[in-house]
Structures are given as structure tokens and as C-alpha cells.
Amino acid sequence: MSFSALILAGGKGSRLGYREKALIDINGKPLIMFVIESLEKVVDSIIISVRDKAQGEFLDSRLHSLTKPHESDGYRVNQQRYRLAYDSYINKGPLAGIFSGLSACDDEYCFIAACDMPFINEDAVKLLIMKSEGYDAAIPRWDDGFLEPLHAVYRRGPMMRETKKALEKNETIILAPIFRLNVNYVATDEIKSIEPDLRTFMNVNTPEDIQQVIRKKSL
């Protein structure tokens, strides 16, 4: 069975002065490239969800690994297994990106991550893929009940269906469709056996986070 990955890159980075998060420079490399390089070791194809064509073209101009794509049915197909998917719902947050990204996905299961997660652990992704079998999703859950919906595997059909329902009801929080799915909640303690510091879940929200990533990637 083949699997896809969807990287959400449409956010405006409001907590970072509205910088293009995906392109934040980390030791000479765009932040999103760390995500791509981790995921392409695990999945068969990668989709990058962006707000619109303008943002997609800007990403193309900066990401040397992405060759010039052609347009097809609302998304752009890249010669190197990458697709750029554009939001069909405007200003609806990450759910819009999830819906457009899954619309461009050809596989039954898809790992979804944010573009600002530079330490994604390939073995953690493999574990979640395994745990998704027979479910609509496999989502990490911390001891306090906190979920990691943007480091999770989803079955394309059910997630698209429930995401569309949520968007049409103006429910923009990412958990809205998830609570209507048959989910296998995977304890973070199980993932800790693979990666003791659970750095796979780290994302970049502040200038301090950027500096922390730069330091860790310099080691």
C-alpha cells in the first residue's frame, strides 16, 4: 500500500511578524525542506498545501528541489513527486489546507504535518501509519489528553468528508472533524520509545524557537 504526506504551508505566521514560515532560513535551508526531507524517506508522494497561486509561485522560486509544475484541476503537479494544492475555502485556516491537500491526494492514507516541524522522526511516522490500519486516523495523545492532529495519519475519504462538513458549518478549529472520526489515539509514551525527547512534535512559533532549531541543526 502506498502512502502520501500533506504539509500545511498556508499559515501567515502571525506570531512571527507575518513571515512566510515555510521559508524561514535555518542554516541556509528553508524550514520546510527539513520536513520534506524527513517525509520523503517514508511516503510515496508529498503534497504542499498553500493559500493561493501567488504563495505557491513564491515557494517554487525559493525551493530548489521543486521543479516547474503544470496545472491540473486546482493543484499543480511537480515532476519530483510534489504537488502544490491551493485552498478552495478562503481564510478558513488549516482545515482549508487539509481539504485542498487531501483533494490532491491519490492514496487512501495520508500523514499530515505542519511546515514548521523540522525534527519529524521517520520511525514515528511509520508507527502512526501502522497504527492507522482499520481506523479513520491515528493521532498522538499526551498524558493530559492534548492531541497532535498535525502529526498524524488520516484516511483520506472520512477526513475529507468530515472536514468539508466542518468548513460548510464555519467550524474552523482543526479538531472539529476529528471528533467525528474513528480514531486510534496513540500514547506519546509509545512514541517516546522511538524518540525519547519527543522532539518530533516540536514546531516553530517564536523567534526563540527559530534560534533553538538553528542551534540543534548546527550540532
N, C-alpha and C. Protein backbone atom coordinates (compact mmCIF):
# COMPACT_ATOMS: atom_id res chain seq x y z
N MET A 1 0.84 -1.19 0.00
CA MET A 1 0.00 0.00 0.00
C MET A 1 0.88 1.25 0.00
N SER A 2 0.49 2.24 -0.80
CA SER A 2 1.26 3.49 -0.84
C SER A 2 0.63 4.52 0.10
N PHE A 3 1.45 5.46 0.53
CA PHE A 3 1.02 6.49 1.46
C PHE A 3 1.51 7.85 0.97
N SER A 4 0.75 8.88 1.31
CA SER A 4 1.12 10.25 0.97
C SER A 4 1.39 11.04 2.25
N ALA A 5 1.98 12.20 2.07
CA ALA A 5 2.12 13.15 3.17
C ALA A 5 1.64 14.51 2.69
N LEU A 6 0.98 15.22 3.56
CA LEU A 6 0.49 16.57 3.29
C LEU A 6 1.17 17.52 4.25
N ILE A 7 1.84 18.52 3.71
CA ILE A 7 2.50 19.55 4.52
C ILE A 7 1.69 20.83 4.41
N LEU A 8 1.20 21.34 5.52
CA LEU A 8 0.42 22.58 5.53
C LEU A 8 1.36 23.77 5.60
N ALA A 9 1.33 24.60 4.55
CA ALA A 9 2.23 25.74 4.47
C ALA A 9 1.49 27.05 4.23
N GLY A 10 0.18 27.05 4.41
CA GLY A 10 -0.61 28.23 4.09
C GLY A 10 -0.73 29.26 5.20
N GLY A 11 -0.24 28.94 6.40
CA GLY A 11 -0.35 29.88 7.52
C GLY A 11 0.45 31.15 7.29
N LYS A 12 0.00 32.23 7.90
CA LYS A 12 0.63 33.54 7.69
C LYS A 12 1.66 33.90 8.75
N GLY A 13 1.92 33.02 9.70
CA GLY A 13 2.97 33.26 10.69
C GLY A 13 2.77 34.53 11.49
N SER A 14 1.56 34.72 12.02
CA SER A 14 1.24 35.97 12.73
C SER A 14 2.11 36.17 13.96
N ARG A 15 2.51 35.08 14.61
CA ARG A 15 3.35 35.21 15.82
C ARG A 15 4.81 35.46 15.48
N LEU A 16 5.12 35.43 14.19
CA LEU A 16 6.49 35.69 13.75
C LEU A 16 6.53 36.90 12.82
N GLY A 17 5.62 37.84 13.06
CA GLY A 17 5.61 39.05 12.26
C GLY A 17 5.14 38.82 10.84
N TYR A 18 4.26 37.84 10.66
CA TYR A 18 3.69 37.51 9.35
C TYR A 18 4.77 37.14 8.33
N ARG A 19 5.81 36.47 8.80
CA ARG A 19 6.82 35.93 7.91
C ARG A 19 6.29 34.66 7.25
N GLU A 20 6.82 34.33 6.09
CA GLU A 20 6.47 33.08 5.42
C GLU A 20 7.18 31.96 6.15
N LYS A 21 6.43 31.29 7.03
CA LYS A 21 7.04 30.30 7.92
C LYS A 21 7.84 29.25 7.16
N ALA A 22 7.28 28.76 6.08
CA ALA A 22 7.92 27.67 5.35
C ALA A 22 9.32 28.03 4.88
N LEU A 23 9.57 29.32 4.70
CA LEU A 23 10.84 29.76 4.12
C LEU A 23 11.79 30.39 5.13
N ILE A 24 11.48 30.28 6.42
CA ILE A 24 12.41 30.78 7.43
C ILE A 24 13.76 30.08 7.25
N ASP A 25 14.81 30.87 7.24
CA ASP A 25 16.15 30.33 6.98
C ASP A 25 16.71 29.64 8.22
N ILE A 26 17.06 28.37 8.05
CA ILE A 26 17.70 27.60 9.11
C ILE A 26 19.06 27.12 8.58
N ASN A 27 20.10 27.83 8.94
CA ASN A 27 21.45 27.47 8.49
C ASN A 27 21.53 27.32 6.97
N GLY A 28 20.88 28.27 6.28
CA GLY A 28 20.95 28.28 4.82
C GLY A 28 19.93 27.43 4.11
N LYS A 29 19.00 26.83 4.86
CA LYS A 29 17.99 25.96 4.25
C LYS A 29 16.60 26.40 4.70
N PRO A 30 15.61 26.47 3.78
CA PRO A 30 14.25 26.82 4.19
C PRO A 30 13.69 25.79 5.18
N LEU A 31 12.97 26.27 6.17
CA LEU A 31 12.43 25.41 7.22
C LEU A 31 11.67 24.21 6.66
N ILE A 32 10.86 24.44 5.65
CA ILE A 32 10.02 23.36 5.12
C ILE A 32 10.84 22.24 4.51
N MET A 33 12.08 22.54 4.08
CA MET A 33 12.90 21.50 3.47
C MET A 33 13.24 20.39 4.46
N PHE A 34 13.36 20.73 5.74
CA PHE A 34 13.62 19.69 6.74
C PHE A 34 12.43 18.73 6.84
N VAL A 35 11.23 19.29 6.70
CA VAL A 35 10.02 18.46 6.74
C VAL A 35 9.97 17.56 5.51
N ILE A 36 10.22 18.15 4.35
CA ILE A 36 10.20 17.38 3.10
C ILE A 36 11.21 16.25 3.14
N GLU A 37 12.42 16.56 3.56
CA GLU A 37 13.49 15.57 3.55
C GLU A 37 13.21 14.40 4.50
N SER A 38 12.54 14.68 5.61
CA SER A 38 12.17 13.59 6.53
C SER A 38 11.07 12.72 5.93
N LEU A 39 10.04 13.37 5.39
CA LEU A 39 8.87 12.63 4.94
C LEU A 39 9.11 11.85 3.65
N GLU A 40 9.96 12.35 2.77
CA GLU A 40 10.16 11.64 1.52
C GLU A 40 10.90 10.31 1.73
N LYS A 41 11.43 10.10 2.92
CA LYS A 41 12.05 8.81 3.25
C LYS A 41 11.00 7.76 3.62
N VAL A 42 9.77 8.23 3.88
CA VAL A 42 8.75 7.34 4.43
C VAL A 42 7.58 7.14 3.47
N VAL A 43 7.16 8.20 2.78
CA VAL A 43 5.94 8.14 1.97
C VAL A 43 6.29 8.11 0.48
N ASP A 44 5.25 7.88 -0.33
CA ASP A 44 5.45 7.76 -1.77
C ASP A 44 5.27 9.08 -2.50
N SER A 45 4.52 10.00 -1.94
CA SER A 45 4.34 11.30 -2.57
C SER A 45 4.05 12.35 -1.50
N ILE A 46 4.36 13.59 -1.84
CA ILE A 46 4.19 14.70 -0.90
C ILE A 46 3.38 15.81 -1.56
N ILE A 47 2.43 16.34 -0.81
CA ILE A 47 1.61 17.47 -1.24
C ILE A 47 1.90 18.63 -0.30
N ILE A 48 2.08 19.80 -0.86
CA ILE A 48 2.26 21.01 -0.05
C ILE A 48 1.03 21.88 -0.26
N SER A 49 0.32 22.15 0.81
CA SER A 49 -0.88 22.99 0.74
C SER A 49 -0.50 24.45 0.97
N VAL A 50 -0.92 25.31 0.04
CA VAL A 50 -0.63 26.75 0.13
C VAL A 50 -1.93 27.53 -0.01
N ARG A 51 -1.87 28.82 0.36
CA ARG A 51 -3.07 29.65 0.34
C ARG A 51 -3.61 29.84 -1.07
N ASP A 52 -2.71 30.18 -1.99
CA ASP A 52 -3.12 30.54 -3.35
C ASP A 52 -1.94 30.38 -4.30
N LYS A 53 -2.17 30.71 -5.57
CA LYS A 53 -1.13 30.54 -6.58
C LYS A 53 0.06 31.46 -6.33
N ALA A 54 -0.21 32.65 -5.82
CA ALA A 54 0.88 33.59 -5.56
C ALA A 54 1.86 33.02 -4.54
N GLN A 55 1.31 32.46 -3.46
CA GLN A 55 2.19 31.86 -2.46
C GLN A 55 2.91 30.64 -3.03
N GLY A 56 2.19 29.85 -3.83
CA GLY A 56 2.81 28.68 -4.43
C GLY A 56 3.96 29.05 -5.34
N GLU A 57 3.79 30.09 -6.13
CA GLU A 57 4.86 30.53 -7.02
C GLU A 57 6.05 31.05 -6.22
N PHE A 58 5.75 31.73 -5.10
CA PHE A 58 6.84 32.23 -4.26
C PHE A 58 7.64 31.07 -3.67
N LEU A 59 6.93 30.04 -3.21
CA LEU A 59 7.63 28.86 -2.69
C LEU A 59 8.47 28.21 -3.78
N ASP A 60 7.89 28.09 -4.97
CA ASP A 60 8.63 27.49 -6.08
C ASP A 60 9.93 28.23 -6.36
N SER A 61 9.86 29.54 -6.24
CA SER A 61 11.05 30.34 -6.56
C SER A 61 12.16 30.17 -5.54
N ARG A 62 11.80 29.70 -4.35
CA ARG A 62 12.78 29.57 -3.28
C ARG A 62 13.21 28.13 -3.01
N LEU A 63 12.38 27.19 -3.39
CA LEU A 63 12.70 25.79 -3.11
C LEU A 63 13.32 25.16 -4.34
N HIS A 64 14.60 25.00 -4.32
CA HIS A 64 15.30 24.50 -5.49
C HIS A 64 14.96 23.05 -5.80
N SER A 65 14.43 22.32 -4.81
CA SER A 65 14.09 20.92 -5.05
C SER A 65 12.78 20.77 -5.80
N LEU A 66 12.04 21.87 -5.95
CA LEU A 66 10.76 21.80 -6.65
C LEU A 66 10.95 22.30 -8.08
N THR A 67 10.69 21.46 -9.05
CA THR A 67 10.81 21.88 -10.44
C THR A 67 9.52 22.53 -10.89
N LYS A 68 9.57 23.17 -12.05
CA LYS A 68 8.41 23.91 -12.54
C LYS A 68 7.25 22.95 -12.79
N PRO A 69 6.09 23.16 -12.12
CA PRO A 69 4.96 22.26 -12.26
C PRO A 69 4.00 22.69 -13.37
N HIS A 70 3.06 21.82 -13.68
CA HIS A 70 1.97 22.21 -14.57
C HIS A 70 0.68 22.16 -13.79
N GLU A 71 -0.35 22.87 -14.26
CA GLU A 71 -1.60 22.98 -13.51
C GLU A 71 -2.56 21.86 -13.91
N SER A 72 -3.32 21.39 -12.93
CA SER A 72 -4.29 20.34 -13.18
C SER A 72 -5.33 20.32 -12.08
N ASP A 73 -6.57 20.68 -12.42
CA ASP A 73 -7.71 20.55 -11.51
C ASP A 73 -7.48 21.20 -10.15
N GLY A 74 -6.99 22.42 -10.13
CA GLY A 74 -6.89 23.16 -8.89
C GLY A 74 -5.64 22.90 -8.10
N TYR A 75 -4.75 22.07 -8.58
CA TYR A 75 -3.46 21.90 -7.93
C TYR A 75 -2.39 21.76 -9.00
N ARG A 76 -1.15 21.89 -8.59
CA ARG A 76 -0.05 21.85 -9.55
C ARG A 76 0.82 20.64 -9.27
N VAL A 77 1.10 19.91 -10.33
CA VAL A 77 1.83 18.65 -10.19
C VAL A 77 3.31 18.88 -10.47
N ASN A 78 4.14 18.42 -9.56
CA ASN A 78 5.58 18.61 -9.70
C ASN A 78 6.22 17.35 -10.24
N GLN A 79 7.27 17.50 -11.02
CA GLN A 79 7.93 16.36 -11.63
C GLN A 79 8.66 15.50 -10.60
N GLN A 80 8.88 16.01 -9.39
CA GLN A 80 9.63 15.27 -8.38
C GLN A 80 8.75 14.76 -7.24
N ARG A 81 7.53 14.33 -7.56
CA ARG A 81 6.61 13.74 -6.59
C ARG A 81 5.91 14.76 -5.71
N TYR A 82 6.12 16.03 -5.89
CA TYR A 82 5.48 17.03 -5.03
C TYR A 82 4.32 17.70 -5.75
N ARG A 83 3.29 17.99 -5.00
CA ARG A 83 2.16 18.74 -5.55
C ARG A 83 1.90 19.96 -4.69
N LEU A 84 1.54 21.04 -5.35
CA LEU A 84 1.10 22.23 -4.64
C LEU A 84 -0.42 22.31 -4.75
N ALA A 85 -1.10 22.28 -3.63
CA ALA A 85 -2.56 22.36 -3.60
C ALA A 85 -2.99 23.71 -3.07
N TYR A 86 -3.96 24.33 -3.74
CA TYR A 86 -4.42 25.67 -3.36
C TYR A 86 -5.73 25.59 -2.58
N ASP A 87 -5.88 26.46 -1.60
CA ASP A 87 -7.11 26.49 -0.80
C ASP A 87 -8.32 26.81 -1.67
N SER A 88 -9.35 25.98 -1.57
CA SER A 88 -10.62 26.27 -2.24
C SER A 88 -11.57 27.01 -1.30
N TYR A 89 -11.31 26.92 0.01
CA TYR A 89 -12.03 27.72 1.01
C TYR A 89 -11.07 28.80 1.49
N ILE A 90 -11.47 30.05 1.36
CA ILE A 90 -10.58 31.18 1.64
C ILE A 90 -10.70 31.60 3.11
N ASN A 91 -9.55 31.86 3.73
CA ASN A 91 -9.49 32.36 5.11
C ASN A 91 -10.21 31.44 6.10
N LYS A 92 -10.04 30.15 5.91
CA LYS A 92 -10.67 29.17 6.80
C LYS A 92 -9.65 28.39 7.63
N GLY A 93 -8.40 28.86 7.64
CA GLY A 93 -7.40 28.24 8.49
C GLY A 93 -6.91 26.90 7.98
N PRO A 94 -6.31 26.10 8.87
CA PRO A 94 -5.70 24.84 8.44
C PRO A 94 -6.67 23.83 7.87
N LEU A 95 -7.95 23.89 8.25
CA LEU A 95 -8.91 22.94 7.68
C LEU A 95 -9.03 23.12 6.18
N ALA A 96 -8.93 24.37 5.70
CA ALA A 96 -8.98 24.62 4.26
C ALA A 96 -7.80 23.96 3.57
N GLY A 97 -6.63 24.06 4.19
CA GLY A 97 -5.45 23.42 3.62
C GLY A 97 -5.55 21.91 3.64
N ILE A 98 -6.12 21.37 4.70
CA ILE A 98 -6.30 19.92 4.79
C ILE A 98 -7.24 19.44 3.69
N PHE A 99 -8.34 20.16 3.49
CA PHE A 99 -9.30 19.74 2.47
C PHE A 99 -8.70 19.80 1.07
N SER A 100 -8.04 20.90 0.75
CA SER A 100 -7.46 21.02 -0.59
C SER A 100 -6.33 20.01 -0.78
N GLY A 101 -5.53 19.80 0.27
CA GLY A 101 -4.44 18.85 0.16
C GLY A 101 -4.92 17.42 -0.03
N LEU A 102 -5.93 17.03 0.74
CA LEU A 102 -6.47 15.68 0.58
C LEU A 102 -7.17 15.51 -0.76
N SER A 103 -7.72 16.59 -1.29
CA SER A 103 -8.33 16.53 -2.62
C SER A 103 -7.31 16.19 -3.69
N ALA A 104 -6.07 16.59 -3.45
CA ALA A 104 -4.98 16.33 -4.41
C ALA A 104 -4.28 15.00 -4.14
N CYS A 105 -4.70 14.32 -3.10
CA CYS A 105 -4.03 13.08 -2.68
C CYS A 105 -4.62 11.88 -3.42
N ASP A 106 -3.75 10.98 -3.86
CA ASP A 106 -4.19 9.78 -4.58
C ASP A 106 -4.26 8.54 -3.69
N ASP A 107 -3.67 8.62 -2.51
CA ASP A 107 -3.58 7.44 -1.65
C ASP A 107 -4.68 7.43 -0.59
N GLU A 108 -4.95 6.24 -0.05
CA GLU A 108 -6.02 6.11 0.94
C GLU A 108 -5.64 6.74 2.27
N TYR A 109 -4.36 6.67 2.63
CA TYR A 109 -3.91 7.21 3.90
C TYR A 109 -2.87 8.30 3.68
N CYS A 110 -2.92 9.31 4.52
CA CYS A 110 -2.05 10.47 4.36
C CYS A 110 -1.58 10.96 5.73
N PHE A 111 -0.28 11.14 5.86
CA PHE A 111 0.28 11.75 7.06
C PHE A 111 0.22 13.26 6.89
N ILE A 112 -0.33 13.96 7.87
CA ILE A 112 -0.46 15.42 7.79
C ILE A 112 0.44 16.07 8.83
N ALA A 113 1.20 17.06 8.38
CA ALA A 113 2.12 17.78 9.26
C ALA A 113 2.12 19.26 8.89
N ALA A 114 2.63 20.07 9.81
CA ALA A 114 2.81 21.49 9.53
C ALA A 114 4.19 21.72 8.93
N CYS A 115 4.35 22.85 8.25
CA CYS A 115 5.62 23.14 7.57
C CYS A 115 6.71 23.57 8.54
N ASP A 116 6.36 23.78 9.80
CA ASP A 116 7.32 24.30 10.78
C ASP A 116 7.73 23.24 11.80
N MET A 117 7.80 21.98 11.35
CA MET A 117 8.16 20.87 12.23
C MET A 117 9.45 20.24 11.71
N PRO A 118 10.60 20.81 12.03
CA PRO A 118 11.86 20.40 11.40
C PRO A 118 12.50 19.13 11.94
N PHE A 119 11.89 18.53 12.96
CA PHE A 119 12.51 17.34 13.56
C PHE A 119 11.63 16.10 13.44
N ILE A 120 10.78 16.04 12.45
CA ILE A 120 9.89 14.88 12.31
C ILE A 120 10.71 13.60 12.21
N ASN A 121 10.34 12.65 13.05
CA ASN A 121 11.06 11.38 13.14
C ASN A 121 10.41 10.36 12.20
N GLU A 122 11.20 9.83 11.27
CA GLU A 122 10.65 8.90 10.28
C GLU A 122 10.04 7.66 10.92
N ASP A 123 10.66 7.15 11.97
CA ASP A 123 10.13 5.95 12.63
C ASP A 123 8.82 6.24 13.35
N ALA A 124 8.68 7.46 13.86
CA ALA A 124 7.40 7.84 14.49
C ALA A 124 6.29 7.88 13.44
N VAL A 125 6.61 8.37 12.25
CA VAL A 125 5.63 8.39 11.17
C VAL A 125 5.25 6.96 10.78
N LYS A 126 6.23 6.09 10.67
CA LYS A 126 5.97 4.68 10.33
C LYS A 126 5.06 4.03 11.37
N LEU A 127 5.30 4.34 12.64
CA LEU A 127 4.46 3.78 13.71
C LEU A 127 3.01 4.23 13.54
N LEU A 128 2.81 5.52 13.26
CA LEU A 128 1.46 6.04 13.10
C LEU A 128 0.78 5.45 11.87
N ILE A 129 1.53 5.25 10.81
CA ILE A 129 0.97 4.59 9.63
C ILE A 129 0.48 3.19 10.00
N MET A 130 1.28 2.45 10.74
CA MET A 130 0.90 1.11 11.17
C MET A 130 -0.34 1.16 12.07
N LYS A 131 -0.38 2.13 12.97
CA LYS A 131 -1.49 2.25 13.92
C LYS A 131 -2.79 2.71 13.26
N SER A 132 -2.70 3.25 12.04
CA SER A 132 -3.91 3.76 11.37
C SER A 132 -4.72 2.65 10.71
N GLU A 133 -4.15 1.48 10.56
CA GLU A 133 -4.84 0.39 9.87
C GLU A 133 -6.14 0.03 10.60
N GLY A 134 -7.24 0.07 9.85
CA GLY A 134 -8.54 -0.24 10.42
C GLY A 134 -9.23 0.93 11.08
N TYR A 135 -8.63 2.11 11.04
CA TYR A 135 -9.19 3.32 11.64
C TYR A 135 -9.26 4.44 10.60
N ASP A 136 -9.98 5.50 10.96
CA ASP A 136 -10.01 6.70 10.12
C ASP A 136 -8.79 7.59 10.37
N ALA A 137 -8.14 7.40 11.50
CA ALA A 137 -6.98 8.22 11.84
C ALA A 137 -6.18 7.58 12.96
N ALA A 138 -4.90 7.94 13.01
CA ALA A 138 -4.04 7.59 14.15
C ALA A 138 -3.39 8.88 14.61
N ILE A 139 -3.75 9.32 15.82
CA ILE A 139 -3.34 10.63 16.31
C ILE A 139 -2.63 10.48 17.66
N PRO A 140 -1.45 11.06 17.80
CA PRO A 140 -0.76 11.02 19.10
C PRO A 140 -1.54 11.78 20.17
N ARG A 141 -1.53 11.22 21.39
CA ARG A 141 -2.21 11.88 22.52
C ARG A 141 -1.30 11.86 23.74
N TRP A 142 -1.11 13.05 24.32
CA TRP A 142 -0.30 13.19 25.52
C TRP A 142 -1.07 12.71 26.74
N ASP A 143 -0.37 12.52 27.85
CA ASP A 143 -0.99 12.04 29.08
C ASP A 143 -2.12 12.94 29.56
N ASP A 144 -1.99 14.26 29.29
CA ASP A 144 -3.02 15.20 29.74
C ASP A 144 -4.19 15.31 28.76
N GLY A 145 -4.19 14.48 27.72
CA GLY A 145 -5.27 14.49 26.74
C GLY A 145 -5.02 15.36 25.53
N PHE A 146 -3.95 16.15 25.55
CA PHE A 146 -3.64 17.03 24.42
C PHE A 146 -3.31 16.19 23.19
N LEU A 147 -3.88 16.59 22.05
CA LEU A 147 -3.69 15.84 20.81
C LEU A 147 -2.68 16.52 19.89
N GLU A 148 -2.11 15.75 19.00
CA GLU A 148 -1.19 16.26 17.97
C GLU A 148 -1.80 15.99 16.59
N PRO A 149 -2.84 16.76 16.23
CA PRO A 149 -3.54 16.49 14.96
C PRO A 149 -2.72 16.82 13.73
N LEU A 150 -1.66 17.62 13.89
CA LEU A 150 -0.79 17.93 12.75
C LEU A 150 0.52 17.15 12.82
N HIS A 151 0.41 15.97 13.36
CA HIS A 151 1.50 14.98 13.31
C HIS A 151 0.79 13.63 13.38
N ALA A 152 -0.06 13.40 12.39
CA ALA A 152 -1.00 12.29 12.47
C ALA A 152 -1.30 11.74 11.08
N VAL A 153 -1.83 10.53 11.06
CA VAL A 153 -2.21 9.86 9.81
C VAL A 153 -3.73 9.83 9.72
N TYR A 154 -4.25 10.12 8.51
CA TYR A 154 -5.69 10.15 8.29
C TYR A 154 -6.05 9.31 7.06
N ARG A 155 -7.20 8.69 7.15
CA ARG A 155 -7.78 8.03 5.98
C ARG A 155 -8.46 9.11 5.14
N ARG A 156 -8.10 9.17 3.89
CA ARG A 156 -8.49 10.29 3.04
C ARG A 156 -10.00 10.52 2.99
N GLY A 157 -10.79 9.50 2.68
CA GLY A 157 -12.23 9.67 2.48
C GLY A 157 -12.96 10.23 3.69
N PRO A 158 -12.88 9.57 4.84
CA PRO A 158 -13.58 10.08 6.02
C PRO A 158 -13.11 11.47 6.45
N MET A 159 -11.80 11.72 6.40
CA MET A 159 -11.31 13.03 6.82
C MET A 159 -11.77 14.12 5.87
N MET A 160 -11.77 13.86 4.56
CA MET A 160 -12.28 14.85 3.61
C MET A 160 -13.76 15.13 3.85
N ARG A 161 -14.53 14.08 4.06
CA ARG A 161 -15.97 14.23 4.26
C ARG A 161 -16.26 15.08 5.49
N GLU A 162 -15.62 14.77 6.60
CA GLU A 162 -15.90 15.50 7.84
C GLU A 162 -15.28 16.90 7.83
N THR A 163 -14.18 17.07 7.13
CA THR A 163 -13.59 18.41 7.02
C THR A 163 -14.49 19.31 6.19
N LYS A 164 -15.03 18.79 5.11
CA LYS A 164 -15.94 19.59 4.29
C LYS A 164 -17.17 20.00 5.10
N LYS A 165 -17.72 19.06 5.88
CA LYS A 165 -18.88 19.39 6.73
C LYS A 165 -18.53 20.51 7.70
N ALA A 166 -17.36 20.41 8.31
CA ALA A 166 -16.94 21.43 9.28
C ALA A 166 -16.79 22.79 8.61
N LEU A 167 -16.16 22.82 7.44
CA LEU A 167 -15.95 24.09 6.74
C LEU A 167 -17.28 24.72 6.34
N GLU A 168 -18.22 23.91 5.91
CA GLU A 168 -19.51 24.45 5.49
C GLU A 168 -20.34 24.93 6.68
N LYS A 169 -19.99 24.47 7.89
CA LYS A 169 -20.64 24.97 9.10
C LYS A 169 -19.83 26.09 9.75
N ASN A 170 -18.77 26.54 9.06
CA ASN A 170 -17.86 27.57 9.59
C ASN A 170 -17.17 27.13 10.87
N GLU A 171 -16.96 25.83 11.01
CA GLU A 171 -16.17 25.30 12.12
C GLU A 171 -14.71 25.23 11.65
N THR A 172 -13.90 26.14 12.11
CA THR A 172 -12.54 26.23 11.57
C THR A 172 -11.48 25.60 12.46
N ILE A 173 -11.84 25.19 13.68
CA ILE A 173 -10.82 24.56 14.53
C ILE A 173 -10.52 23.16 13.99
N ILE A 174 -9.27 22.78 14.06
CA ILE A 174 -8.83 21.55 13.41
C ILE A 174 -9.44 20.30 14.04
N LEU A 175 -9.85 20.39 15.30
CA LEU A 175 -10.41 19.21 15.97
C LEU A 175 -11.86 18.95 15.58
N ALA A 176 -12.52 19.90 14.93
CA ALA A 176 -13.94 19.74 14.60
C ALA A 176 -14.22 18.46 13.83
N PRO A 177 -13.52 18.17 12.74
CA PRO A 177 -13.81 16.91 12.04
C PRO A 177 -13.26 15.69 12.75
N ILE A 178 -12.21 15.86 13.51
CA ILE A 178 -11.53 14.72 14.13
C ILE A 178 -12.44 14.00 15.11
N PHE A 179 -13.23 14.76 15.86
CA PHE A 179 -14.09 14.16 16.86
C PHE A 179 -15.22 13.34 16.23
N ARG A 180 -15.37 13.43 14.92
CA ARG A 180 -16.39 12.63 14.24
C ARG A 180 -15.78 11.44 13.48
N LEU A 181 -14.52 11.19 13.74
CA LEU A 181 -13.82 10.08 13.10
C LEU A 181 -13.61 8.92 14.07
N ASN A 182 -13.36 7.76 13.51
CA ASN A 182 -12.97 6.59 14.31
C ASN A 182 -11.45 6.65 14.46
N VAL A 183 -11.00 7.13 15.61
CA VAL A 183 -9.58 7.46 15.79
C VAL A 183 -8.90 6.45 16.70
N ASN A 184 -7.71 6.05 16.31
CA ASN A 184 -6.82 5.30 17.20
C ASN A 184 -5.88 6.31 17.84
N TYR A 185 -6.10 6.60 19.11
CA TYR A 185 -5.24 7.56 19.81
C TYR A 185 -3.99 6.83 20.31
N VAL A 186 -2.85 7.30 19.85
CA VAL A 186 -1.57 6.65 20.15
C VAL A 186 -0.87 7.42 21.26
N ALA A 187 -0.63 6.77 22.38
CA ALA A 187 0.01 7.43 23.52
C ALA A 187 1.41 7.92 23.14
N THR A 188 1.71 9.15 23.54
CA THR A 188 3.04 9.68 23.25
C THR A 188 4.13 8.86 23.94
N ASP A 189 3.78 8.17 25.02
CA ASP A 189 4.76 7.29 25.68
C ASP A 189 5.22 6.18 24.73
N GLU A 190 4.33 5.75 23.85
CA GLU A 190 4.71 4.72 22.88
C GLU A 190 5.69 5.30 21.86
N ILE A 191 5.45 6.55 21.47
CA ILE A 191 6.37 7.21 20.54
C ILE A 191 7.69 7.52 21.23
N LYS A 192 7.63 7.75 22.54
CA LYS A 192 8.85 8.04 23.30
C LYS A 192 9.82 6.87 23.25
N SER A 193 9.32 5.67 23.07
CA SER A 193 10.21 4.52 22.95
C SER A 193 11.04 4.59 21.67
N ILE A 194 10.56 5.35 20.71
CA ILE A 194 11.29 5.56 19.45
C ILE A 194 12.17 6.79 19.54
N GLU A 195 11.61 7.85 20.12
CA GLU A 195 12.34 9.11 20.25
C GLU A 195 12.15 9.64 21.67
N PRO A 196 13.10 9.39 22.56
CA PRO A 196 12.92 9.71 23.99
C PRO A 196 12.58 11.16 24.28
N ASP A 197 13.11 12.12 23.52
CA ASP A 197 12.82 13.53 23.83
C ASP A 197 11.59 14.06 23.11
N LEU A 198 10.94 13.21 22.29
CA LEU A 198 9.72 13.58 21.56
C LEU A 198 9.89 14.88 20.76
N ARG A 199 11.08 15.10 20.28
CA ARG A 199 11.36 16.31 19.51
C ARG A 199 10.59 16.33 18.19
N THR A 200 10.10 15.17 17.77
CA THR A 200 9.34 15.08 16.53
C THR A 200 8.15 16.02 16.50
N PHE A 201 7.61 16.37 17.69
CA PHE A 201 6.43 17.23 17.77
C PHE A 201 6.75 18.72 17.80
N MET A 202 8.01 19.08 17.87
CA MET A 202 8.37 20.49 18.01
C MET A 202 7.98 21.28 16.77
N ASN A 203 7.35 22.44 16.99
CA ASN A 203 7.11 23.35 15.88
C ASN A 203 7.63 24.74 16.23
N VAL A 204 7.66 25.60 15.24
CA VAL A 204 8.29 26.92 15.38
C VAL A 204 7.21 27.98 15.46
N ASN A 205 7.13 28.65 16.61
CA ASN A 205 6.12 29.69 16.80
C ASN A 205 6.70 31.04 17.20
N THR A 206 7.93 31.06 17.69
CA THR A 206 8.52 32.30 18.21
C THR A 206 9.94 32.46 17.69
N PRO A 207 10.49 33.67 17.77
CA PRO A 207 11.90 33.86 17.41
C PRO A 207 12.83 32.96 18.23
N GLU A 208 12.46 32.72 19.48
CA GLU A 208 13.27 31.84 20.33
C GLU A 208 13.27 30.41 19.79
N ASP A 209 12.12 29.97 19.27
CA ASP A 209 12.05 28.64 18.66
C ASP A 209 12.99 28.55 17.46
N ILE A 210 13.03 29.61 16.66
CA ILE A 210 13.91 29.62 15.49
C ILE A 210 15.35 29.44 15.92
N GLN A 211 15.76 30.19 16.94
CA GLN A 211 17.14 30.10 17.41
C GLN A 211 17.44 28.71 17.97
N GLN A 212 16.45 28.12 18.63
CA GLN A 212 16.65 26.76 19.17
C GLN A 212 16.86 25.76 18.03
N VAL A 213 16.07 25.88 16.97
CA VAL A 213 16.22 24.98 15.83
C VAL A 213 17.58 25.18 15.18
N ILE A 214 17.98 26.43 15.01
CA ILE A 214 19.29 26.71 14.40
C ILE A 214 20.40 26.05 15.21
N ARG A 215 20.31 26.16 16.54
CA ARG A 215 21.35 25.55 17.39
C ARG A 215 21.36 24.03 17.24
N LYS A 216 20.17 23.42 17.28
CA LYS A 216 20.10 21.96 17.22
C LYS A 216 20.54 21.44 15.85
N LYS A 217 20.21 22.17 14.80
CA LYS A 217 20.59 21.73 13.46
C LYS A 217 22.07 21.98 13.18
N SER A 218 22.71 22.75 14.04
CA SER A 218 24.15 23.02 13.87
C SER A 218 25.01 21.95 14.51
N LEU A 219 24.39 21.13 15.37
CA LEU A 219 25.16 20.11 16.10
C LEU A 219 25.59 18.97 15.18
